[in-house]
């Protein structure tokens, strides 16, 4: 029983992307495509788009990975899938670090 639990925990942990440890400046440089919907400072003017400023980096990174792998659907998911399709793990970490560092 303990071995099964440890195995399950190990598998679960390995499927979660590492905590975003990206480069803030690189994220800022890569954020131009995000600004049309999420605002220049990560604060959206339209209620349909969420604010990104001040969100936790790990949450943002997980959300972007979920859009890439189809883990999120509905709403604007199809639009987001197109935007994140070409992002590398490093790009995602950089964007997450940038938006996490902005004031909400």
Protein backbone atom coordinates (compact mmCIF):
# COMPACT_ATOMS: atom_id res chain seq x y z
CA UNK A 1 0.00 0.00 0.00
CA UNK A 2 2.77 2.46 0.91
CA UNK A 3 4.68 1.62 -2.26
CA UNK A 4 1.60 2.24 -4.40
CA UNK A 5 1.05 5.60 -2.69
CA UNK A 6 4.67 6.64 -3.18
CA UNK A 7 4.57 5.59 -6.81
CA UNK A 8 1.37 7.55 -7.39
CA UNK A 9 2.84 10.66 -5.75
CA UNK A 10 6.03 10.36 -7.79
CA UNK A 11 4.10 10.05 -11.03
CA UNK A 12 1.85 12.97 -10.14
CA UNK A 13 4.80 15.19 -9.24
CA UNK A 14 6.64 14.35 -12.46
CA UNK A 15 3.66 15.45 -14.56
CA UNK A 16 3.55 18.94 -13.05
CA UNK A 17 5.79 21.50 -14.77
CA UNK A 18 8.56 22.84 -12.59
CA UNK A 19 7.82 26.04 -10.73
CA UNK A 20 8.27 28.91 -13.09
CA UNK A 21 11.78 30.21 -12.65
CA UNK A 22 11.89 32.27 -15.79
CA UNK A 23 13.61 35.48 -16.70
CA UNK A 24 11.42 38.54 -16.07
CA UNK A 25 13.03 40.71 -18.77
CA UNK A 26 12.78 37.92 -21.34
CA UNK A 27 9.12 37.49 -20.37
CA UNK A 28 8.49 41.18 -20.87
CA UNK A 29 10.13 40.97 -24.29
CA UNK A 30 7.90 38.00 -25.21
CA UNK A 31 4.66 39.53 -23.87
CA UNK A 32 3.73 41.64 -26.92
CA UNK A 33 1.37 38.97 -28.25
CA UNK A 34 -0.41 38.82 -24.87
CA UNK A 35 -1.03 42.54 -24.59
CA UNK A 36 -3.87 42.79 -27.10
CA UNK A 37 -6.17 40.89 -24.75
CA UNK A 38 -4.49 41.06 -21.34
CA UNK A 39 -3.31 44.68 -21.44
CA UNK A 40 0.14 46.26 -21.53
CA UNK A 41 0.59 45.84 -17.77
CA UNK A 42 -1.26 42.54 -17.48
CA UNK A 43 -4.55 44.28 -16.67
CA UNK A 44 -7.29 43.69 -19.19
CA UNK A 45 -9.70 46.43 -20.15
CA UNK A 46 -12.27 43.85 -21.30
CA UNK A 47 -13.98 41.70 -18.66
CA UNK A 48 -13.86 38.63 -20.93
CA UNK A 49 -10.05 38.45 -20.56
CA UNK A 50 -8.45 37.77 -17.18
CA UNK A 51 -5.86 40.00 -15.58
CA UNK A 52 -2.45 38.34 -15.47
CA UNK A 53 -0.62 40.87 -13.32
CA UNK A 54 0.23 39.52 -9.89
CA UNK A 55 -0.93 35.96 -10.53
CA UNK A 56 1.33 33.27 -9.09
CA UNK A 57 4.01 32.20 -11.57
CA UNK A 58 3.33 28.49 -11.03
CA UNK A 59 -0.37 29.03 -11.77
CA UNK A 60 0.34 30.98 -14.95
CA UNK A 61 2.84 28.39 -16.17
CA UNK A 62 0.41 25.55 -15.45
CA UNK A 63 -2.39 27.38 -17.27
CA UNK A 64 -0.24 27.89 -20.36
CA UNK A 65 0.83 24.24 -20.34
CA UNK A 66 -2.82 23.23 -19.96
CA UNK A 67 -3.76 25.29 -23.02
CA UNK A 68 -0.95 23.62 -24.96
CA UNK A 69 -1.94 20.07 -24.06
CA UNK A 70 -5.72 20.57 -24.28
CA UNK A 71 -6.28 20.53 -20.52
CA UNK A 72 -8.34 23.72 -20.74
CA UNK A 73 -11.40 24.14 -22.89
CA UNK A 74 -14.31 26.50 -23.31
CA UNK A 75 -14.30 30.26 -23.30
CA UNK A 76 -11.28 31.57 -25.16
CA UNK A 77 -9.36 28.27 -24.96
CA UNK A 78 -9.18 27.81 -28.72
CA UNK A 79 -7.71 31.30 -29.12
CA UNK A 80 -5.20 30.63 -26.34
CA UNK A 81 -4.20 27.28 -27.88
CA UNK A 82 -3.16 29.10 -31.03
CA UNK A 83 -1.15 31.67 -29.08
CA UNK A 84 0.72 29.14 -26.92
CA UNK A 85 1.25 26.43 -29.53
CA UNK A 86 4.79 27.54 -30.36
CA UNK A 87 5.94 28.44 -26.86
CA UNK A 88 8.78 26.46 -25.32
CA UNK A 89 8.90 25.59 -21.62
CA UNK A 90 11.42 28.42 -21.23
CA UNK A 91 9.10 30.90 -22.95
CA UNK A 92 6.29 29.87 -20.61
CA UNK A 93 8.51 30.25 -17.54
CA UNK A 94 9.65 33.68 -18.72
CA UNK A 95 6.09 34.90 -19.33
CA UNK A 96 4.92 33.51 -16.00
CA UNK A 97 7.78 35.22 -14.14
CA UNK A 98 7.07 38.52 -15.87
CA UNK A 99 3.34 38.60 -15.18
CA UNK A 100 3.77 37.33 -11.62
CA UNK A 101 6.05 40.28 -10.91
CA UNK A 102 3.58 42.93 -12.05
CA UNK A 103 1.39 44.77 -9.57
CA UNK A 104 -2.23 43.56 -9.66
